[in-house]
Amino acid sequence: MADGPDAVARVLLAVAQVPPGRVASYGDIGAIAGVGPRQVGAILRDHGDAVPWWRIVSRDGVLVPLAKARPRWEAEGIEIRPDGRGCRMREFRADLAQLALDYRVASVESGA
């Protein structure tokens, strides 16, 4: 899939589908939106204020900046693992099949 504005829109739409209390990795979002995980990170850095960026973590559940996200995680019930660096992916990862389905439905509804 092409880069540029379309990629930004696809990534932001995919991130918006991650339900409260759940997380997805940069790679999960990239696979759904058709971009690489690093591109997901760059898009969220530059355009992520309008979507729940705090729900997107590394493949091992690490989130930087966790301090900025901590109040949001606490409000959503995402528990910080004992090392204080992120969450347990097995416990908090979104259902990827449902996430992909929700993305497809949202894409159709938005005309993307």
Protein backbone atom coordinates (compact mmCIF):
# COMPACT_ATOMS: atom_id res chain seq x y z
CA MET A 1 0.00 0.00 0.00
CA ALA A 2 1.15 3.54 -0.68
CA ASP A 3 2.78 5.83 1.84
CA GLY A 4 1.79 9.43 2.50
CA PRO A 5 -1.57 10.82 3.55
CA ASP A 6 -3.36 7.53 2.83
CA ALA A 7 -0.99 5.66 5.15
CA VAL A 8 -1.54 8.25 7.88
CA ALA A 9 -5.31 7.89 7.55
CA ARG A 10 -5.13 4.07 7.58
CA VAL A 11 -2.91 3.98 10.67
CA LEU A 12 -5.03 6.48 12.58
CA LEU A 13 -8.20 4.56 11.67
CA ALA A 14 -6.63 1.28 12.84
CA VAL A 15 -5.46 2.79 16.13
CA ALA A 16 -8.93 4.24 16.72
CA GLN A 17 -10.35 0.69 16.63
CA VAL A 18 -8.30 -0.57 19.62
CA PRO A 19 -10.86 -0.84 22.43
CA PRO A 20 -10.40 0.76 25.84
CA GLY A 21 -8.49 -1.46 28.23
CA ARG A 22 -6.66 -3.22 25.40
CA VAL A 23 -3.39 -2.66 23.55
CA ALA A 24 -1.96 -3.55 20.17
CA SER A 25 1.62 -3.53 19.00
CA TYR A 26 3.07 -1.27 16.34
CA GLY A 27 3.38 -4.41 14.20
CA ASP A 28 -0.26 -5.35 14.78
CA ILE A 29 -1.40 -1.93 13.61
CA GLY A 30 1.06 -1.97 10.71
CA ALA A 31 -0.24 -5.35 9.53
CA ILE A 32 -3.81 -4.05 9.56
CA ALA A 33 -2.99 -0.71 7.92
CA GLY A 34 -0.45 -2.02 5.41
CA VAL A 35 2.66 -0.25 6.70
CA GLY A 36 5.70 -1.19 8.78
CA PRO A 37 5.85 -0.90 12.56
CA ARG A 38 8.37 1.95 12.44
CA GLN A 39 6.08 3.88 10.14
CA VAL A 40 3.24 3.37 12.64
CA GLY A 41 5.46 4.89 15.32
CA ALA A 42 6.38 7.86 13.15
CA ILE A 43 2.75 8.48 12.21
CA LEU A 44 1.66 8.35 15.84
CA ARG A 45 4.49 10.69 16.83
CA ASP A 46 3.44 13.24 14.21
CA HIS A 47 -0.35 12.75 14.05
CA GLY A 48 -1.42 10.62 17.01
CA ASP A 49 -3.00 13.23 19.28
CA ALA A 50 -6.48 12.56 17.86
CA VAL A 51 -6.41 8.79 18.53
CA PRO A 52 -5.72 6.61 21.60
CA TRP A 53 -1.93 6.43 21.03
CA TRP A 54 -1.43 5.09 24.56
CA ARG A 55 -2.93 1.77 23.47
CA ILE A 56 -0.09 1.12 21.00
CA VAL A 57 2.98 -0.57 22.43
CA SER A 58 6.05 -2.49 21.34
CA ARG A 59 5.68 -6.21 20.70
CA ASP A 60 6.70 -6.93 24.30
CA GLY A 61 4.23 -4.46 25.81
CA VAL A 62 6.67 -1.61 26.47
CA LEU A 63 5.30 1.89 26.06
CA VAL A 64 7.36 5.04 25.88
CA PRO A 65 6.42 7.48 27.33
CA LEU A 66 4.70 5.37 29.97
CA ALA A 67 4.59 8.25 32.46
CA LYS A 68 2.43 10.25 30.04
CA ALA A 69 0.16 7.27 29.41
CA ARG A 70 -0.07 5.99 32.99
CA PRO A 71 -3.23 7.95 33.96
CA ARG A 72 -4.99 6.72 30.81
CA TRP A 73 -3.92 3.12 31.44
CA GLU A 74 -5.11 3.34 35.03
CA ALA A 75 -8.48 4.75 33.90
CA GLU A 76 -8.87 1.88 31.39
CA GLY A 77 -7.67 -0.86 33.75
CA ILE A 78 -4.44 -1.68 31.90
CA GLU A 79 -2.05 -2.87 34.57
CA ILE A 80 1.61 -1.99 34.52
CA ARG A 81 3.81 -5.05 34.83
CA PRO A 82 6.22 -5.38 37.78
CA ASP A 83 9.25 -4.03 35.88
CA GLY A 84 7.32 -0.77 35.37
CA ARG A 85 8.00 -0.59 31.62
CA GLY A 86 4.70 -1.64 30.08
CA CYS A 87 1.94 -4.23 30.27
CA ARG A 88 1.63 -7.98 29.80
CA MET A 89 0.67 -8.52 26.18
CA ARG A 90 -0.96 -11.90 26.86
CA GLU A 91 -3.35 -10.23 29.25
CA PHE A 92 -4.11 -6.93 27.52
CA ARG A 93 -3.61 -7.47 23.78
CA ALA A 94 -6.69 -6.71 21.71
CA ASP A 95 -8.35 -9.57 19.82
CA LEU A 96 -6.52 -9.13 16.52
CA ALA A 97 -9.18 -10.79 14.39
CA GLN A 98 -11.84 -8.52 15.86
CA LEU A 99 -9.54 -5.50 15.48
CA ALA A 100 -9.02 -6.28 11.78
CA LEU A 101 -12.77 -6.73 11.28
CA ASP A 102 -13.55 -3.48 13.09
CA TYR A 103 -10.96 -1.73 10.89
CA ARG A 104 -12.54 -3.09 7.70
CA VAL A 105 -16.00 -1.99 8.81
CA ALA A 106 -14.73 1.47 9.80
CA SER A 107 -12.93 1.76 6.44
CA VAL A 108 -16.14 1.09 4.55
CA GLU A 109 -18.12 3.47 6.76
CA SER A 110 -15.55 6.24 6.32
CA GLY A 111 -15.28 5.66 2.59
CA ALA A 112 -11.52 5.07 2.88
